[in-house]
Amino acid sequence: MKYVYQTLFGAGGNCFQACAAAIMEVPLNEVSHFMEGQTEARPWTQEEWDEVRHWFRSHGYEITWLDPTEEFSREWIPKLFESGLHYIACVKSVFGGHSVVGHRGELVFCPNKGDTTKYGEPYVYYVLEPIDASTAAGASHE
């Protein structure tokens, strides 16, 4: 992982984009700005999520999400932490939702140059797994 900072803030900000770029170890402009044009923090529609998944697949990653309130996810989150993969954790902030990078159960990087200790538990985890490890430099385990 490398530090990539967001350049847009609030609803329609690009913290998710910056976190993905950090994990993928690419410049910010090489990752799609999935929240562009949003005027309020909200979950993606199914159509938007399909576009997100398609974009990551076309760039060598499978993206999945885990919701800690769902039993299935509660079984997989400890496995995510053990895997050593960096992941995007969505947390509550004064602006609504905010994306930060997590690793092994800890929040390790805030793309807003913020202190990750000020956030509570994530309400969703986005996992980026390389489809082919040789094409995804940012997917190394430590």
C-alpha atoms as a PDB file:
ATOM      1  CA  MET A   1       0.000   0.000   0.000  1.00  0.00           C
ATOM      2  CA  LYS A   2       1.103   3.555  -0.680  1.00  0.00           C
ATOM      3  CA  TYR A   3      -0.402   6.796   0.565  1.00  0.00           C
ATOM      4  CA  VAL A   4      -2.781   8.415  -1.917  1.00  0.00           C
ATOM      5  CA  TYR A   5      -4.764  11.396  -0.663  1.00  0.00           C
ATOM      6  CA  GLN A   6      -8.234  12.517  -1.661  1.00  0.00           C
ATOM      7  CA  THR A   7      -8.735  15.820  -3.435  1.00  0.00           C
ATOM      8  CA  LEU A   8     -12.539  16.178  -3.175  1.00  0.00           C
ATOM      9  CA  PHE A   9     -14.446  16.251   0.113  1.00  0.00           C
ATOM     10  CA  GLY A  10     -18.001  15.812   1.411  1.00  0.00           C
ATOM     11  CA  ALA A  11     -20.782  14.148  -0.570  1.00  0.00           C
ATOM     12  CA  GLY A  12     -19.346  13.288  -3.963  1.00  0.00           C
ATOM     13  CA  GLY A  13     -15.851  13.253  -2.470  1.00  0.00           C
ATOM     14  CA  ASN A  14     -13.174  10.851  -3.588  1.00  0.00           C
ATOM     15  CA  CYS A  15     -12.027   9.135  -0.390  1.00  0.00           C
ATOM     16  CA  PHE A  16     -13.078   5.721  -1.771  1.00  0.00           C
ATOM     17  CA  GLN A  17     -11.149   6.423  -4.976  1.00  0.00           C
ATOM     18  CA  ALA A  18      -8.062   7.416  -2.944  1.00  0.00           C
ATOM     19  CA  CYS A  19      -8.280   4.276  -0.790  1.00  0.00           C
ATOM     20  CA  ALA A  20      -8.552   2.050  -3.862  1.00  0.00           C
ATOM     21  CA  ALA A  21      -5.579   3.837  -5.450  1.00  0.00           C
ATOM     22  CA  ALA A  22      -3.593   3.391  -2.220  1.00  0.00           C
ATOM     23  CA  ILE A  23      -4.289  -0.351  -2.128  1.00  0.00           C
ATOM     24  CA  MET A  24      -3.635  -0.772  -5.859  1.00  0.00           C
ATOM     25  CA  GLU A  25      -0.508   1.416  -5.545  1.00  0.00           C
ATOM     26  CA  VAL A  26      -1.436   3.641  -8.485  1.00  0.00           C
ATOM     27  CA  PRO A  27      -1.953   7.416  -8.846  1.00  0.00           C
ATOM     28  CA  LEU A  28      -5.387   8.777  -7.926  1.00  0.00           C
ATOM     29  CA  ASN A  29      -6.279   9.598 -11.533  1.00  0.00           C
ATOM     30  CA  GLU A  30      -5.881   5.932 -12.537  1.00  0.00           C
ATOM     31  CA  VAL A  31      -8.902   4.908 -10.459  1.00  0.00           C
ATOM     32  CA  SER A  32     -12.444   5.824 -11.445  1.00  0.00           C
ATOM     33  CA  HIS A  33     -14.177   8.403  -9.226  1.00  0.00           C
ATOM     34  CA  PHE A  34     -17.200   6.285  -8.391  1.00  0.00           C
ATOM     35  CA  MET A  35     -18.913   8.957  -6.243  1.00  0.00           C
ATOM     36  CA  GLU A  36     -18.644  11.724  -8.814  1.00  0.00           C
ATOM     37  CA  GLY A  37     -21.778  13.833  -8.998  1.00  0.00           C
ATOM     38  CA  GLN A  38     -23.356  12.495  -5.807  1.00  0.00           C
ATOM     39  CA  THR A  39     -24.932  15.246  -3.735  1.00  0.00           C
ATOM     40  CA  GLU A  40     -25.482  13.161  -0.615  1.00  0.00           C
ATOM     41  CA  ALA A  41     -23.817  10.195   1.044  1.00  0.00           C
ATOM     42  CA  ARG A  42     -25.802   7.089   0.097  1.00  0.00           C
ATOM     43  CA  PRO A  43     -25.271   3.448  -0.789  1.00  0.00           C
ATOM     44  CA  TRP A  44     -24.702   2.533  -4.404  1.00  0.00           C
ATOM     45  CA  THR A  45     -27.623   1.387  -6.519  1.00  0.00           C
ATOM     46  CA  GLN A  46     -27.347  -2.081  -8.040  1.00  0.00           C
ATOM     47  CA  GLU A  47     -26.481  -0.508 -11.394  1.00  0.00           C
ATOM     48  CA  GLU A  48     -23.701   1.582  -9.803  1.00  0.00           C
ATOM     49  CA  TRP A  49     -22.356  -1.444  -7.921  1.00  0.00           C
ATOM     50  CA  ASP A  50     -22.280  -3.437 -11.166  1.00  0.00           C
ATOM     51  CA  GLU A  51     -20.237  -0.615 -12.746  1.00  0.00           C
ATOM     52  CA  VAL A  52     -17.834  -0.591  -9.773  1.00  0.00           C
ATOM     53  CA  ARG A  53     -17.354  -4.362 -10.001  1.00  0.00           C
ATOM     54  CA  HIS A  54     -16.841  -4.184 -13.763  1.00  0.00           C
ATOM     55  CA  TRP A  55     -14.251  -1.402 -13.420  1.00  0.00           C
ATOM     56  CA  PHE A  56     -12.207  -3.338 -10.840  1.00  0.00           C
ATOM     57  CA  ARG A  57     -12.384  -6.575 -12.847  1.00  0.00           C
ATOM     58  CA  SER A  58     -11.125  -4.742 -15.920  1.00  0.00           C
ATOM     59  CA  HIS A  59      -8.172  -3.563 -13.807  1.00  0.00           C
ATOM     60  CA  GLY A  60      -7.258  -6.974 -12.386  1.00  0.00           C
ATOM     61  CA  TYR A  61      -9.209  -7.011  -9.112  1.00  0.00           C
ATOM     62  CA  GLU A  62     -12.305  -8.654  -7.766  1.00  0.00           C
ATOM     63  CA  ILE A  63     -14.158  -6.393  -5.321  1.00  0.00           C
ATOM     64  CA  THR A  64     -16.545  -7.759  -2.708  1.00  0.00           C
ATOM     65  CA  TRP A  65     -18.183  -6.215   0.306  1.00  0.00           C
ATOM     66  CA  LEU A  66     -18.818  -7.488   3.783  1.00  0.00           C
ATOM     67  CA  ASP A  67     -21.529  -6.073   6.032  1.00  0.00           C
ATOM     68  CA  PRO A  68     -20.709  -6.753   9.702  1.00  0.00           C
ATOM     69  CA  THR A  69     -24.407  -6.941  10.572  1.00  0.00           C
ATOM     70  CA  GLU A  70     -24.907 -10.000   8.352  1.00  0.00           C
ATOM     71  CA  GLU A  71     -24.110 -13.463   9.661  1.00  0.00           C
ATOM     72  CA  PHE A  72     -22.316 -14.508   6.458  1.00  0.00           C
ATOM     73  CA  SER A  73     -20.020 -11.482   6.672  1.00  0.00           C
ATOM     74  CA  ARG A  74     -19.328 -11.974  10.375  1.00  0.00           C
ATOM     75  CA  GLU A  75     -17.840 -15.351   9.457  1.00  0.00           C
ATOM     76  CA  TRP A  76     -15.612 -13.861   6.742  1.00  0.00           C
ATOM     77  CA  ILE A  77     -14.361 -10.680   8.427  1.00  0.00           C
ATOM     78  CA  PRO A  78     -11.920 -12.541  10.737  1.00  0.00           C
ATOM     79  CA  LYS A  79     -10.624 -14.398   7.668  1.00  0.00           C
ATOM     80  CA  LEU A  80     -10.107 -11.046   5.935  1.00  0.00           C
ATOM     81  CA  PHE A  81      -8.077  -9.808   8.900  1.00  0.00           C
ATOM     82  CA  GLU A  82      -5.966 -12.989   8.881  1.00  0.00           C
ATOM     83  CA  SER A  83      -5.370 -12.762   5.120  1.00  0.00           C
ATOM     84  CA  GLY A  84      -3.078  -9.756   5.363  1.00  0.00           C
ATOM     85  CA  LEU A  85      -4.919  -7.963   2.555  1.00  0.00           C
ATOM     86  CA  HIS A  86      -5.478  -4.234   2.853  1.00  0.00           C
ATOM     87  CA  TYR A  87      -9.162  -3.328   2.468  1.00  0.00           C
ATOM     88  CA  ILE A  88     -11.410  -0.282   2.325  1.00  0.00           C
ATOM     89  CA  ALA A  89     -13.370   0.285   5.517  1.00  0.00           C
ATOM     90  CA  CYS A  90     -16.355   2.625   5.487  1.00  0.00           C
ATOM     91  CA  VAL A  91     -16.786   4.492   8.756  1.00  0.00           C
ATOM     92  CA  LYS A  92     -19.044   7.245  10.037  1.00  0.00           C
ATOM     93  CA  SER A  93     -17.651  10.778  10.015  1.00  0.00           C
ATOM     94  CA  VAL A  94     -19.018  14.274  10.509  1.00  0.00           C
ATOM     95  CA  PHE A  95     -19.800  14.284   6.769  1.00  0.00           C
ATOM     96  CA  GLY A  96     -21.648  10.952   6.812  1.00  0.00           C
ATOM     97  CA  GLY A  97     -19.703   8.052   5.359  1.00  0.00           C
ATOM     98  CA  HIS A  98     -15.939   8.077   4.913  1.00  0.00           C
ATOM     99  CA  SER A  99     -13.549   5.518   3.441  1.00  0.00           C
ATOM    100  CA  VAL A 100     -10.249   4.592   5.077  1.00  0.00           C
ATOM    101  CA  VAL A 101      -7.801   1.743   4.546  1.00  0.00           C
ATOM    102  CA  GLY A 102      -7.721  -1.113   7.001  1.00  0.00           C
ATOM    103  CA  HIS A 103      -5.268  -3.934   7.589  1.00  0.00           C
ATOM    104  CA  ARG A 104      -5.536  -6.887   9.968  1.00  0.00           C
ATOM    105  CA  GLY A 105      -8.487  -5.357  11.822  1.00  0.00           C
ATOM    106  CA  GLU A 106      -6.936  -1.907  12.290  1.00  0.00           C
ATOM    107  CA  LEU A 107      -7.634   1.332  10.436  1.00  0.00           C
ATOM    108  CA  VAL A 108      -4.207   2.251   9.054  1.00  0.00           C
ATOM    109  CA  PHE A 109      -4.645   5.112   6.574  1.00  0.00           C
ATOM    110  CA  CYS A 110      -7.055   8.023   6.152  1.00  0.00           C
ATOM    111  CA  PRO A 111      -6.919   9.650   2.695  1.00  0.00           C
ATOM    112  CA  ASN A 112      -7.998  12.961   4.267  1.00  0.00           C
ATOM    113  CA  LYS A 113      -4.700  13.098   6.204  1.00  0.00           C
ATOM    114  CA  GLY A 114      -6.785  12.396   9.270  1.00  0.00           C
ATOM    115  CA  ASP A 115      -6.231  10.400  12.381  1.00  0.00           C
ATOM    116  CA  THR A 116      -7.712   6.924  11.938  1.00  0.00           C
ATOM    117  CA  THR A 117      -8.198   6.521  15.701  1.00  0.00           C
ATOM    118  CA  LYS A 118     -11.109   8.990  15.688  1.00  0.00           C
ATOM    119  CA  TYR A 119     -13.382   6.645  13.736  1.00  0.00           C
ATOM    120  CA  GLY A 120     -15.568   3.896  15.126  1.00  0.00           C
ATOM    121  CA  GLU A 121     -16.096   0.418  13.809  1.00  0.00           C
ATOM    122  CA  PRO A 122     -16.574   0.104  10.039  1.00  0.00           C
ATOM    123  CA  TYR A 123     -20.115  -0.411   8.808  1.00  0.00           C
ATOM    124  CA  VAL A 124     -18.940  -2.073   5.590  1.00  0.00           C
ATOM    125  CA  TYR A 125     -15.692  -3.542   4.280  1.00  0.00           C
ATOM    126  CA  TYR A 126     -14.694  -3.552   0.609  1.00  0.00           C
ATOM    127  CA  VAL A 127     -12.149  -6.209  -0.233  1.00  0.00           C
ATOM    128  CA  LEU A 128      -9.942  -5.879  -3.313  1.00  0.00           C
ATOM    129  CA  GLU A 129      -8.432  -9.199  -4.289  1.00  0.00           C
ATOM    130  CA  PRO A 130      -6.121  -9.487  -7.271  1.00  0.00           C
ATOM    131  CA  ILE A 131      -7.466 -11.720  -9.993  1.00  0.00           C
ATOM    132  CA  ASP A 132      -3.884 -12.415 -11.026  1.00  0.00           C
ATOM    133  CA  ALA A 133      -1.332 -11.595  -8.334  1.00  0.00           C
ATOM    134  CA  SER A 134       1.297 -10.815 -10.972  1.00  0.00           C
ATOM    135  CA  THR A 135      -0.827  -7.880 -12.249  1.00  0.00           C
ATOM    136  CA  ALA A 136      -1.658  -6.314  -8.903  1.00  0.00           C
ATOM    137  CA  ALA A 137       1.339  -4.852  -7.091  1.00  0.00           C
ATOM    138  CA  GLY A 138      -0.790  -3.412  -4.279  1.00  0.00           C
ATOM    139  CA  ALA A 139      -2.166  -6.766  -3.276  1.00  0.00           C
ATOM    140  CA  SER A 140       0.952  -8.025  -1.585  1.00  0.00           C
ATOM    141  CA  HIS A 141       0.394  -9.366   1.910  1.00  0.00           C
ATOM    142  CA  GLU A 142       2.703  -7.188   4.039  1.00  0.00           C
END
